């Protein structure tokens, strides 16, 4: 009985500190960028460095959010399921910074130039496709929207995170001019996450 009580206390404690700790950790990439920006450590092209940095972290957090369910299925650690929505919103946070640094710092909010870029550059077209999906998912991530849409419709909508993630990997792959190992690695991680979901629910 003592062991059961200790396990219960540990689970309760984990639920209490897990989200705040993850929240702080998820902000560290932003804090590190701020430190580097203030100290002039963003390289010869700080605008491009900023845009790519936030894009990298957007994709990483999207994969981390998608990893929550496979980890829960493999480990039976149900508490981690509480993290999925918050991690998904952090992915959207970094996606927003990625897009705003490009639109604001590179294009100076020239919407006509942005539309031309979307049409002309396929990797931007793919990236904007992912952005539109993520905006819809972030806008419907609240408990109120879950109740309004209903659980079944809400889950169906949020399955669009999968094509968004695929588009994110393709966007990265098309954007890089050399060194394809990193986008391919992200693609393999995404494929592995899909495989775990399929095999565990088959």
C-alpha atoms as a PDB file:
ATOM      1  CA  UNK A   1       0.000   0.000   0.000  1.00  0.00           C
ATOM      2  CA  UNK A   2       2.862   2.342   0.796  1.00  0.00           C
ATOM      3  CA  UNK A   3       4.297   1.754  -2.676  1.00  0.00           C
ATOM      4  CA  UNK A   4       0.941   2.517  -4.274  1.00  0.00           C
ATOM      5  CA  UNK A   5       0.667   5.703  -2.235  1.00  0.00           C
ATOM      6  CA  UNK A   6       4.161   6.779  -3.175  1.00  0.00           C
ATOM      7  CA  UNK A   7       3.417   6.122  -6.857  1.00  0.00           C
ATOM      8  CA  UNK A   8       0.197   8.136  -6.622  1.00  0.00           C
ATOM      9  CA  UNK A   9       2.012  11.033  -4.952  1.00  0.00           C
ATOM     10  CA  UNK A  10       4.708  10.982  -7.620  1.00  0.00           C
ATOM     11  CA  UNK A  11       2.070  11.031 -10.383  1.00  0.00           C
ATOM     12  CA  UNK A  12       0.251  13.937  -8.735  1.00  0.00           C
ATOM     13  CA  UNK A  13       3.516  15.828  -8.275  1.00  0.00           C
ATOM     14  CA  UNK A  14       4.520  15.189 -11.889  1.00  0.00           C
ATOM     15  CA  UNK A  15       1.213  16.580 -13.140  1.00  0.00           C
ATOM     16  CA  UNK A  16       1.761  19.676 -11.004  1.00  0.00           C
ATOM     17  CA  UNK A  17       5.268  20.593 -12.163  1.00  0.00           C
ATOM     18  CA  UNK A  18       5.397  19.122 -15.672  1.00  0.00           C
ATOM     19  CA  UNK A  19       3.534  21.887 -17.518  1.00  0.00           C
ATOM     20  CA  UNK A  20       5.257  24.859 -15.823  1.00  0.00           C
ATOM     21  CA  UNK A  21       8.654  23.243 -16.375  1.00  0.00           C
ATOM     22  CA  UNK A  22       7.887  22.517 -20.032  1.00  0.00           C
ATOM     23  CA  UNK A  23       6.611  26.076 -20.500  1.00  0.00           C
ATOM     24  CA  UNK A  24       9.893  27.531 -19.237  1.00  0.00           C
ATOM     25  CA  UNK A  25      11.988  25.125 -21.325  1.00  0.00           C
ATOM     26  CA  UNK A  26       9.940  25.917 -24.443  1.00  0.00           C
ATOM     27  CA  UNK A  27      10.767  29.615 -24.040  1.00  0.00           C
ATOM     28  CA  UNK A  28      14.520  28.995 -23.850  1.00  0.00           C
ATOM     29  CA  UNK A  29      15.091  29.103 -27.644  1.00  0.00           C
ATOM     30  CA  UNK A  30      13.404  32.514 -27.751  1.00  0.00           C
ATOM     31  CA  UNK A  31      15.482  33.725 -24.790  1.00  0.00           C
ATOM     32  CA  UNK A  32      18.678  32.441 -26.450  1.00  0.00           C
ATOM     33  CA  UNK A  33      17.805  34.285 -29.672  1.00  0.00           C
ATOM     34  CA  UNK A  34      17.196  37.468 -27.641  1.00  0.00           C
ATOM     35  CA  UNK A  35      20.574  37.120 -25.935  1.00  0.00           C
ATOM     36  CA  UNK A  36      22.352  36.621 -29.264  1.00  0.00           C
ATOM     37  CA  UNK A  37      20.486  39.524 -30.875  1.00  0.00           C
ATOM     38  CA  UNK A  38      21.360  41.909 -28.045  1.00  0.00           C
ATOM     39  CA  UNK A  39      25.010  40.891 -28.212  1.00  0.00           C
ATOM     40  CA  UNK A  40      25.353  41.052 -32.003  1.00  0.00           C
ATOM     41  CA  UNK A  41      25.866  37.302 -32.390  1.00  0.00           C
ATOM     42  CA  UNK A  42      23.462  36.620 -35.263  1.00  0.00           C
ATOM     43  CA  UNK A  43      26.147  36.655 -37.942  1.00  0.00           C
ATOM     44  CA  UNK A  44      26.631  38.683 -41.092  1.00  0.00           C
ATOM     45  CA  UNK A  45      22.959  38.413 -42.087  1.00  0.00           C
ATOM     46  CA  UNK A  46      20.935  38.686 -38.857  1.00  0.00           C
ATOM     47  CA  UNK A  47      17.572  38.858 -40.651  1.00  0.00           C
ATOM     48  CA  UNK A  48      18.111  35.575 -42.475  1.00  0.00           C
ATOM     49  CA  UNK A  49      19.572  34.029 -39.322  1.00  0.00           C
ATOM     50  CA  UNK A  50      16.514  35.091 -37.319  1.00  0.00           C
ATOM     51  CA  UNK A  51      14.036  33.797 -39.887  1.00  0.00           C
ATOM     52  CA  UNK A  52      15.755  30.428 -40.179  1.00  0.00           C
ATOM     53  CA  UNK A  53      16.283  30.091 -36.441  1.00  0.00           C
ATOM     54  CA  UNK A  54      12.600  30.508 -35.648  1.00  0.00           C
ATOM     55  CA  UNK A  55      11.657  28.277 -38.578  1.00  0.00           C
ATOM     56  CA  UNK A  56      13.899  25.521 -37.238  1.00  0.00           C
ATOM     57  CA  UNK A  57      12.320  25.734 -33.802  1.00  0.00           C
ATOM     58  CA  UNK A  58       8.808  25.860 -35.234  1.00  0.00           C
ATOM     59  CA  UNK A  59       9.385  22.537 -36.989  1.00  0.00           C
ATOM     60  CA  UNK A  60      11.070  21.034 -33.947  1.00  0.00           C
ATOM     61  CA  UNK A  61       8.188  21.950 -31.660  1.00  0.00           C
ATOM     62  CA  UNK A  62       5.685  20.653 -34.193  1.00  0.00           C
ATOM     63  CA  UNK A  63       7.480  17.297 -34.157  1.00  0.00           C
ATOM     64  CA  UNK A  64       7.732  17.367 -30.367  1.00  0.00           C
ATOM     65  CA  UNK A  65       3.980  17.996 -30.113  1.00  0.00           C
ATOM     66  CA  UNK A  66       3.318  15.135 -32.522  1.00  0.00           C
ATOM     67  CA  UNK A  67       5.609  12.897 -30.453  1.00  0.00           C
ATOM     68  CA  UNK A  68       3.410  13.211 -27.354  1.00  0.00           C
ATOM     69  CA  UNK A  69       0.848  10.609 -28.407  1.00  0.00           C
ATOM     70  CA  UNK A  70       3.405   8.027 -29.627  1.00  0.00           C
ATOM     71  CA  UNK A  71       5.327   8.419 -26.344  1.00  0.00           C
ATOM     72  CA  UNK A  72       2.090   7.956 -24.408  1.00  0.00           C
ATOM     73  CA  UNK A  73       1.200   4.868 -26.440  1.00  0.00           C
ATOM     74  CA  UNK A  74       4.642   3.330 -25.990  1.00  0.00           C
ATOM     75  CA  UNK A  75       5.155   4.157 -22.307  1.00  0.00           C
ATOM     76  CA  UNK A  76       1.556   4.223 -21.001  1.00  0.00           C
ATOM     77  CA  UNK A  77       2.509   7.522 -19.328  1.00  0.00           C
ATOM     78  CA  UNK A  78      -0.863   9.212 -19.709  1.00  0.00           C
ATOM     79  CA  UNK A  79       0.187  12.387 -17.909  1.00  0.00           C
ATOM     80  CA  UNK A  80       2.280  13.447 -20.894  1.00  0.00           C
ATOM     81  CA  UNK A  81      -0.897  13.693 -22.953  1.00  0.00           C
ATOM     82  CA  UNK A  82      -1.662  16.913 -21.092  1.00  0.00           C
ATOM     83  CA  UNK A  83       1.335  18.505 -22.802  1.00  0.00           C
ATOM     84  CA  UNK A  84       0.209  18.108 -26.397  1.00  0.00           C
ATOM     85  CA  UNK A  85      -1.928  21.229 -26.718  1.00  0.00           C
ATOM     86  CA  UNK A  86       0.624  23.503 -25.040  1.00  0.00           C
ATOM     87  CA  UNK A  87       3.479  22.174 -27.182  1.00  0.00           C
ATOM     88  CA  UNK A  88       1.360  22.615 -30.295  1.00  0.00           C
ATOM     89  CA  UNK A  89       0.738  26.235 -29.353  1.00  0.00           C
ATOM     90  CA  UNK A  90       4.474  26.753 -28.861  1.00  0.00           C
ATOM     91  CA  UNK A  91       4.985  25.372 -32.375  1.00  0.00           C
ATOM     92  CA  UNK A  92       2.521  28.001 -33.585  1.00  0.00           C
ATOM     93  CA  UNK A  93       4.332  30.660 -31.528  1.00  0.00           C
ATOM     94  CA  UNK A  94       7.622  29.912 -33.272  1.00  0.00           C
ATOM     95  CA  UNK A  95       5.907  29.626 -36.667  1.00  0.00           C
ATOM     96  CA  UNK A  96       4.469  33.102 -36.087  1.00  0.00           C
ATOM     97  CA  UNK A  97       7.905  34.482 -35.220  1.00  0.00           C
ATOM     98  CA  UNK A  98       9.336  32.769 -38.305  1.00  0.00           C
ATOM     99  CA  UNK A  99       6.738  34.287 -40.622  1.00  0.00           C
ATOM    100  CA  UNK A 100       6.762  37.724 -38.989  1.00  0.00           C
ATOM    101  CA  UNK A 101      10.552  37.957 -39.154  1.00  0.00           C
ATOM    102  CA  UNK A 102      10.352  37.217 -42.890  1.00  0.00           C
ATOM    103  CA  UNK A 103       7.380  39.482 -43.633  1.00  0.00           C
ATOM    104  CA  UNK A 104       8.445  42.267 -41.276  1.00  0.00           C
ATOM    105  CA  UNK A 105      12.227  42.293 -41.352  1.00  0.00           C
ATOM    106  CA  UNK A 106      12.820  41.060 -44.899  1.00  0.00           C
ATOM    107  CA  UNK A 107       9.806  42.400 -46.816  1.00  0.00           C
ATOM    108  CA  UNK A 108       8.943  45.349 -44.522  1.00  0.00           C
ATOM    109  CA  UNK A 109       5.274  44.240 -44.503  1.00  0.00           C
ATOM    110  CA  UNK A 110       4.968  44.721 -48.261  1.00  0.00           C
ATOM    111  CA  UNK A 111       1.909  42.505 -48.875  1.00  0.00           C
ATOM    112  CA  UNK A 112       2.176  42.790 -52.658  1.00  0.00           C
ATOM    113  CA  UNK A 113       5.755  41.536 -52.519  1.00  0.00           C
ATOM    114  CA  UNK A 114       4.621  38.721 -50.204  1.00  0.00           C
ATOM    115  CA  UNK A 115       1.931  37.585 -52.652  1.00  0.00           C
ATOM    116  CA  UNK A 116       4.475  37.626 -55.460  1.00  0.00           C
ATOM    117  CA  UNK A 117       6.867  35.540 -53.360  1.00  0.00           C
ATOM    118  CA  UNK A 118       4.122  33.024 -52.528  1.00  0.00           C
ATOM    119  CA  UNK A 119       3.348  32.574 -56.231  1.00  0.00           C
ATOM    120  CA  UNK A 120       6.958  32.618 -57.438  1.00  0.00           C
ATOM    121  CA  UNK A 121       8.730  30.516 -54.802  1.00  0.00           C
ATOM    122  CA  UNK A 122       7.277  27.044 -54.301  1.00  0.00           C
ATOM    123  CA  UNK A 123       8.849  26.521 -50.885  1.00  0.00           C
ATOM    124  CA  UNK A 124       7.045  29.657 -49.642  1.00  0.00           C
ATOM    125  CA  UNK A 125       3.785  28.382 -51.172  1.00  0.00           C
ATOM    126  CA  UNK A 126       4.179  25.133 -49.247  1.00  0.00           C
ATOM    127  CA  UNK A 127       5.120  26.994 -46.079  1.00  0.00           C
ATOM    128  CA  UNK A 128       2.038  29.208 -46.316  1.00  0.00           C
ATOM    129  CA  UNK A 129      -0.127  26.119 -46.754  1.00  0.00           C
ATOM    130  CA  UNK A 130       1.222  24.821 -43.449  1.00  0.00           C
ATOM    131  CA  UNK A 131       0.721  28.238 -41.835  1.00  0.00           C
ATOM    132  CA  UNK A 132      -2.960  28.412 -42.801  1.00  0.00           C
ATOM    133  CA  UNK A 133      -3.570  25.003 -41.237  1.00  0.00           C
ATOM    134  CA  UNK A 134      -1.719  25.917 -38.046  1.00  0.00           C
ATOM    135  CA  UNK A 135      -3.677  29.167 -37.719  1.00  0.00           C
ATOM    136  CA  UNK A 136      -6.908  27.153 -37.869  1.00  0.00           C
ATOM    137  CA  UNK A 137      -5.626  24.674 -35.295  1.00  0.00           C
ATOM    138  CA  UNK A 138      -4.413  27.394 -32.917  1.00  0.00           C
ATOM    139  CA  UNK A 139      -7.708  29.271 -33.224  1.00  0.00           C
ATOM    140  CA  UNK A 140      -9.656  26.142 -32.255  1.00  0.00           C
ATOM    141  CA  UNK A 141      -7.362  24.933 -29.487  1.00  0.00           C
ATOM    142  CA  UNK A 142      -9.430  26.273 -26.576  1.00  0.00           C
ATOM    143  CA  UNK A 143     -11.839  24.248 -24.452  1.00  0.00           C
ATOM    144  CA  UNK A 144     -14.650  26.534 -25.615  1.00  0.00           C
ATOM    145  CA  UNK A 145     -13.958  25.664 -29.271  1.00  0.00           C
ATOM    146  CA  UNK A 146     -13.841  21.953 -28.452  1.00  0.00           C
ATOM    147  CA  UNK A 147     -17.304  22.239 -26.906  1.00  0.00           C
ATOM    148  CA  UNK A 148     -18.583  24.344 -29.808  1.00  0.00           C
ATOM    149  CA  UNK A 149     -17.293  22.015 -32.526  1.00  0.00           C
ATOM    150  CA  UNK A 150     -17.918  18.798 -30.652  1.00  0.00           C
ATOM    151  CA  UNK A 151     -15.234  16.249 -29.895  1.00  0.00           C
ATOM    152  CA  UNK A 152     -15.554  14.283 -33.147  1.00  0.00           C
ATOM    153  CA  UNK A 153     -15.426  17.317 -35.442  1.00  0.00           C
ATOM    154  CA  UNK A 154     -12.646  18.879 -33.379  1.00  0.00           C
ATOM    155  CA  UNK A 155     -10.496  15.740 -33.586  1.00  0.00           C
ATOM    156  CA  UNK A 156     -11.121  15.531 -37.326  1.00  0.00           C
ATOM    157  CA  UNK A 157     -10.018  19.141 -37.788  1.00  0.00           C
ATOM    158  CA  UNK A 158      -6.912  18.690 -35.681  1.00  0.00           C
ATOM    159  CA  UNK A 159      -5.792  15.703 -37.720  1.00  0.00           C
ATOM    160  CA  UNK A 160      -4.801  18.363 -40.257  1.00  0.00           C
ATOM    161  CA  UNK A 161      -1.678  18.778 -38.129  1.00  0.00           C
ATOM    162  CA  UNK A 162      -0.285  15.790 -40.045  1.00  0.00           C
ATOM    163  CA  UNK A 163      -0.352  17.435 -43.510  1.00  0.00           C
ATOM    164  CA  UNK A 164       0.885  20.632 -41.852  1.00  0.00           C
ATOM    165  CA  UNK A 165       3.899  18.773 -40.475  1.00  0.00           C
ATOM    166  CA  UNK A 166       4.555  17.111 -43.833  1.00  0.00           C
ATOM    167  CA  UNK A 167       4.350  20.513 -45.522  1.00  0.00           C
ATOM    168  CA  UNK A 168       6.748  21.917 -42.919  1.00  0.00           C
ATOM    169  CA  UNK A 169       9.351  19.252 -43.688  1.00  0.00           C
ATOM    170  CA  UNK A 170       8.906  19.745 -47.455  1.00  0.00           C
ATOM    171  CA  UNK A 171       9.179  23.530 -47.009  1.00  0.00           C
ATOM    172  CA  UNK A 172      12.474  23.075 -45.166  1.00  0.00           C
ATOM    173  CA  UNK A 173      13.794  20.584 -47.716  1.00  0.00           C
ATOM    174  CA  UNK A 174      12.956  22.877 -50.651  1.00  0.00           C
ATOM    175  CA  UNK A 175      14.437  25.907 -48.922  1.00  0.00           C
ATOM    176  CA  UNK A 176      17.917  24.603 -48.153  1.00  0.00           C
ATOM    177  CA  UNK A 177      20.469  24.910 -50.906  1.00  0.00           C
ATOM    178  CA  UNK A 178      22.952  22.458 -49.423  1.00  0.00           C
ATOM    179  CA  UNK A 179      23.166  20.020 -46.541  1.00  0.00           C
ATOM    180  CA  UNK A 180      19.966  18.000 -46.835  1.00  0.00           C
ATOM    181  CA  UNK A 181      20.748  15.785 -43.843  1.00  0.00           C
ATOM    182  CA  UNK A 182      18.770  17.888 -41.363  1.00  0.00           C
ATOM    183  CA  UNK A 183      15.478  18.087 -43.319  1.00  0.00           C
ATOM    184  CA  UNK A 184      15.763  14.387 -44.170  1.00  0.00           C
ATOM    185  CA  UNK A 185      16.281  13.659 -40.475  1.00  0.00           C
ATOM    186  CA  UNK A 186      13.129  15.572 -39.634  1.00  0.00           C
ATOM    187  CA  UNK A 187      11.305  13.628 -42.350  1.00  0.00           C
ATOM    188  CA  UNK A 188      12.456  10.308 -40.898  1.00  0.00           C
ATOM    189  CA  UNK A 189      11.397  11.378 -37.399  1.00  0.00           C
ATOM    190  CA  UNK A 190       7.970  12.347 -38.723  1.00  0.00           C
ATOM    191  CA  UNK A 191       7.651   9.018 -40.554  1.00  0.00           C
ATOM    192  CA  UNK A 192       8.596   7.145 -37.358  1.00  0.00           C
ATOM    193  CA  UNK A 193       5.957   9.061 -35.371  1.00  0.00           C
ATOM    194  CA  UNK A 194       3.315   8.188 -37.962  1.00  0.00           C
ATOM    195  CA  UNK A 195       4.412   4.533 -37.904  1.00  0.00           C
ATOM    196  CA  UNK A 196       4.043   4.294 -34.113  1.00  0.00           C
ATOM    197  CA  UNK A 197       0.533   5.750 -34.269  1.00  0.00           C
ATOM    198  CA  UNK A 198      -0.507   3.365 -37.049  1.00  0.00           C
ATOM    199  CA  UNK A 199       1.015   0.231 -35.498  1.00  0.00           C
ATOM    200  CA  UNK A 200      -0.274   0.947 -31.977  1.00  0.00           C
ATOM    201  CA  UNK A 201      -3.795   1.633 -33.202  1.00  0.00           C
ATOM    202  CA  UNK A 202      -3.977  -1.095 -35.849  1.00  0.00           C
END
